[in-house]
C-alpha atoms as a PDB file:
ATOM      1  CA  UNK A   1       0.000   0.000   0.000  1.00  0.00           C
ATOM      2  CA  UNK A   2       1.560   3.234  -1.181  1.00  0.00           C
ATOM      3  CA  UNK A   3       0.792   6.503   0.611  1.00  0.00           C
ATOM      4  CA  UNK A   4       1.574  10.133  -0.124  1.00  0.00           C
ATOM      5  CA  UNK A   5       1.808  13.222   2.045  1.00  0.00           C
ATOM      6  CA  UNK A   6       0.176  16.233   0.452  1.00  0.00           C
ATOM      7  CA  UNK A   7       1.359  19.644   1.611  1.00  0.00           C
ATOM      8  CA  UNK A   8      -0.641  22.620   0.391  1.00  0.00           C
ATOM      9  CA  UNK A   9       0.217  26.261   1.008  1.00  0.00           C
ATOM     10  CA  UNK A  10      -2.814  28.484   0.391  1.00  0.00           C
ATOM     11  CA  UNK A  11      -4.059  31.999   1.049  1.00  0.00           C
ATOM     12  CA  UNK A  12      -5.248  32.493   4.640  1.00  0.00           C
ATOM     13  CA  UNK A  13      -8.644  33.634   3.409  1.00  0.00           C
ATOM     14  CA  UNK A  14      -9.055  30.360   1.465  1.00  0.00           C
ATOM     15  CA  UNK A  15      -8.127  28.051   4.358  1.00  0.00           C
ATOM     16  CA  UNK A  16     -11.688  27.420   5.571  1.00  0.00           C
ATOM     17  CA  UNK A  17     -12.946  26.780   2.026  1.00  0.00           C
ATOM     18  CA  UNK A  18     -10.150  24.251   1.416  1.00  0.00           C
ATOM     19  CA  UNK A  19     -10.675  22.541   4.797  1.00  0.00           C
ATOM     20  CA  UNK A  20     -14.438  22.297   4.250  1.00  0.00           C
ATOM     21  CA  UNK A  21     -14.024  21.045   0.658  1.00  0.00           C
ATOM     22  CA  UNK A  22     -11.608  18.319   1.808  1.00  0.00           C
ATOM     23  CA  UNK A  23     -14.018  17.232   4.532  1.00  0.00           C
ATOM     24  CA  UNK A  24     -16.944  17.177   2.081  1.00  0.00           C
ATOM     25  CA  UNK A  25     -14.843  15.027  -0.287  1.00  0.00           C
ATOM     26  CA  UNK A  26     -14.155  12.477   2.480  1.00  0.00           C
ATOM     27  CA  UNK A  27     -10.750  13.711   3.684  1.00  0.00           C
ATOM     28  CA  UNK A  28     -11.433  15.184   7.148  1.00  0.00           C
ATOM     29  CA  UNK A  29      -8.032  14.478   8.730  1.00  0.00           C
ATOM     30  CA  UNK A  30      -5.353  17.114   8.317  1.00  0.00           C
ATOM     31  CA  UNK A  31      -2.783  19.188  10.132  1.00  0.00           C
ATOM     32  CA  UNK A  32      -2.769  22.958   9.624  1.00  0.00           C
ATOM     33  CA  UNK A  33      -0.289  25.716  10.362  1.00  0.00           C
ATOM     34  CA  UNK A  34      -0.066  29.453   9.911  1.00  0.00           C
ATOM     35  CA  UNK A  35       3.092  30.090   7.922  1.00  0.00           C
ATOM     36  CA  UNK A  36       4.790  32.958   6.113  1.00  0.00           C
ATOM     37  CA  UNK A  37       6.509  32.786   2.769  1.00  0.00           C
ATOM     38  CA  UNK A  38       6.959  34.208  -0.657  1.00  0.00           C
ATOM     39  CA  UNK A  39       7.000  33.012  -4.215  1.00  0.00           C
ATOM     40  CA  UNK A  40       8.410  34.380  -7.424  1.00  0.00           C
ATOM     41  CA  UNK A  41       6.865  37.782  -6.866  1.00  0.00           C
ATOM     42  CA  UNK A  42       9.130  38.294  -3.839  1.00  0.00           C
ATOM     43  CA  UNK A  43       6.359  39.492  -1.533  1.00  0.00           C
ATOM     44  CA  UNK A  44       3.838  42.290  -1.881  1.00  0.00           C
ATOM     45  CA  UNK A  45       3.815  46.092  -1.770  1.00  0.00           C
ATOM     46  CA  UNK A  46       1.346  47.807   0.564  1.00  0.00           C
ATOM     47  CA  UNK A  47       0.522  51.420   1.266  1.00  0.00           C
ATOM     48  CA  UNK A  48       0.180  52.861   4.739  1.00  0.00           C
ATOM     49  CA  UNK A  49      -2.465  55.582   4.973  1.00  0.00           C
ATOM     50  CA  UNK A  50      -2.233  56.019   1.219  1.00  0.00           C
ATOM     51  CA  UNK A  51       1.082  57.832   1.490  1.00  0.00           C
ATOM     52  CA  UNK A  52       3.962  55.544   2.392  1.00  0.00           C
ATOM     53  CA  UNK A  53       4.660  52.409   0.421  1.00  0.00           C
ATOM     54  CA  UNK A  54       6.368  49.439   2.055  1.00  0.00           C
ATOM     55  CA  UNK A  55       7.213  45.890   1.057  1.00  0.00           C
ATOM     56  CA  UNK A  56       6.125  42.726   2.869  1.00  0.00           C
ATOM     57  CA  UNK A  57       8.499  39.999   1.738  1.00  0.00           C
ATOM     58  CA  UNK A  58       6.970  37.157   3.742  1.00  0.00           C
ATOM     59  CA  UNK A  59       3.245  36.898   3.130  1.00  0.00           C
ATOM     60  CA  UNK A  60       0.996  35.131   5.696  1.00  0.00           C
ATOM     61  CA  UNK A  61      -0.358  31.806   4.384  1.00  0.00           C
ATOM     62  CA  UNK A  62      -1.946  28.599   5.671  1.00  0.00           C
ATOM     63  CA  UNK A  63      -0.229  25.237   5.252  1.00  0.00           C
ATOM     64  CA  UNK A  64      -2.247  22.026   5.282  1.00  0.00           C
ATOM     65  CA  UNK A  65      -0.781  18.528   5.446  1.00  0.00           C
ATOM     66  CA  UNK A  66      -2.561  15.233   4.960  1.00  0.00           C
ATOM     67  CA  UNK A  67      -1.569  11.665   4.170  1.00  0.00           C
ATOM     68  CA  UNK A  68      -3.660   9.729   1.664  1.00  0.00           C
ATOM     69  CA  UNK A  69      -3.513   6.536  -0.341  1.00  0.00           C
ATOM     70  CA  UNK A  70      -1.934   6.816  -3.803  1.00  0.00           C
ATOM     71  CA  UNK A  71      -5.316   6.306  -5.427  1.00  0.00           C
ATOM     72  CA  UNK A  72      -6.656   9.470  -3.739  1.00  0.00           C
ATOM     73  CA  UNK A  73      -3.825  11.870  -4.632  1.00  0.00           C
ATOM     74  CA  UNK A  74      -5.326  13.320  -7.827  1.00  0.00           C
ATOM     75  CA  UNK A  75      -8.744  13.769  -6.200  1.00  0.00           C
ATOM     76  CA  UNK A  76      -7.219  15.645  -3.230  1.00  0.00           C
ATOM     77  CA  UNK A  77      -5.186  17.874  -5.585  1.00  0.00           C
ATOM     78  CA  UNK A  78      -8.357  18.639  -7.552  1.00  0.00           C
ATOM     79  CA  UNK A  79     -10.336  19.492  -4.397  1.00  0.00           C
ATOM     80  CA  UNK A  80      -7.613  21.771  -3.010  1.00  0.00           C
ATOM     81  CA  UNK A  81      -7.000  23.489  -6.343  1.00  0.00           C
ATOM     82  CA  UNK A  82     -10.690  24.209  -6.905  1.00  0.00           C
ATOM     83  CA  UNK A  83     -11.272  25.526  -3.359  1.00  0.00           C
ATOM     84  CA  UNK A  84      -8.074  27.635  -3.196  1.00  0.00           C
ATOM     85  CA  UNK A  85      -8.245  29.185  -6.686  1.00  0.00           C
ATOM     86  CA  UNK A  86      -8.631  32.957  -7.112  1.00  0.00           C
ATOM     87  CA  UNK A  87      -6.693  33.345 -10.360  1.00  0.00           C
ATOM     88  CA  UNK A  88      -4.346  35.879  -8.778  1.00  0.00           C
ATOM     89  CA  UNK A  89      -0.626  35.606  -8.030  1.00  0.00           C
ATOM     90  CA  UNK A  90      -0.150  33.952  -4.633  1.00  0.00           C
ATOM     91  CA  UNK A  91      -2.869  31.277  -4.798  1.00  0.00           C
ATOM     92  CA  UNK A  92      -0.344  28.778  -3.422  1.00  0.00           C
ATOM     93  CA  UNK A  93       1.393  25.491  -4.117  1.00  0.00           C
ATOM     94  CA  UNK A  94       0.770  21.779  -3.593  1.00  0.00           C
ATOM     95  CA  UNK A  95       3.577  19.302  -2.935  1.00  0.00           C
ATOM     96  CA  UNK A  96       3.260  15.501  -3.033  1.00  0.00           C
ATOM     97  CA  UNK A  97       5.773  13.487  -1.009  1.00  0.00           C
ATOM     98  CA  UNK A  98       6.126   9.688  -0.638  1.00  0.00           C
ATOM     99  CA  UNK A  99       5.313   8.253   2.817  1.00  0.00           C
ATOM    100  CA  UNK A 100       6.973   5.000   3.836  1.00  0.00           C
ATOM    101  CA  UNK A 101       4.854   4.199   6.878  1.00  0.00           C
ATOM    102  CA  UNK A 102       2.087   5.551   9.093  1.00  0.00           C
ATOM    103  CA  UNK A 103       1.394   4.348  12.650  1.00  0.00           C
ATOM    104  CA  UNK A 104      -1.587   5.249  14.829  1.00  0.00           C
ATOM    105  CA  UNK A 105      -0.060   5.657  18.295  1.00  0.00           C
ATOM    106  CA  UNK A 106      -3.210   4.761  20.255  1.00  0.00           C
ATOM    107  CA  UNK A 107      -3.874   1.406  18.547  1.00  0.00           C
ATOM    108  CA  UNK A 108      -0.630   0.503  16.800  1.00  0.00           C
ATOM    109  CA  UNK A 109      -2.459   0.271  13.446  1.00  0.00           C
ATOM    110  CA  UNK A 110      -0.175   0.704  10.444  1.00  0.00           C
ATOM    111  CA  UNK A 111      -0.397   1.754   6.820  1.00  0.00           C
ATOM    112  CA  UNK A 112      -3.758   2.776   5.415  1.00  0.00           C
ATOM    113  CA  UNK A 113      -5.505   1.680   8.627  1.00  0.00           C
ATOM    114  CA  UNK A 114      -3.541   4.363  10.465  1.00  0.00           C
ATOM    115  CA  UNK A 115      -4.646   7.168   8.150  1.00  0.00           C
END
């Protein structure tokens, strides 16, 4: 049984939509973090009181992590992409990473039974 870890970095304002969409699609288990980062654009420019311009190089984002069976990877990517999409720069990224093993601490279950 092959498993993958999916890490998605999305806009903070899209976090709830992504979380709810994953749950509705049958993927309720996840870990979430507030993170800061930047992509190719190198951050964003903001104006303070309409006068002073300043640059924010690390933009606040939400990072979600979940482990799924190989067969579910494309479906999870589709759900996240649809829920997180705005069409603007900074919508986020999704990374897929191989997982060798998963163990549920409480029961000792392993593999897909642990996820």
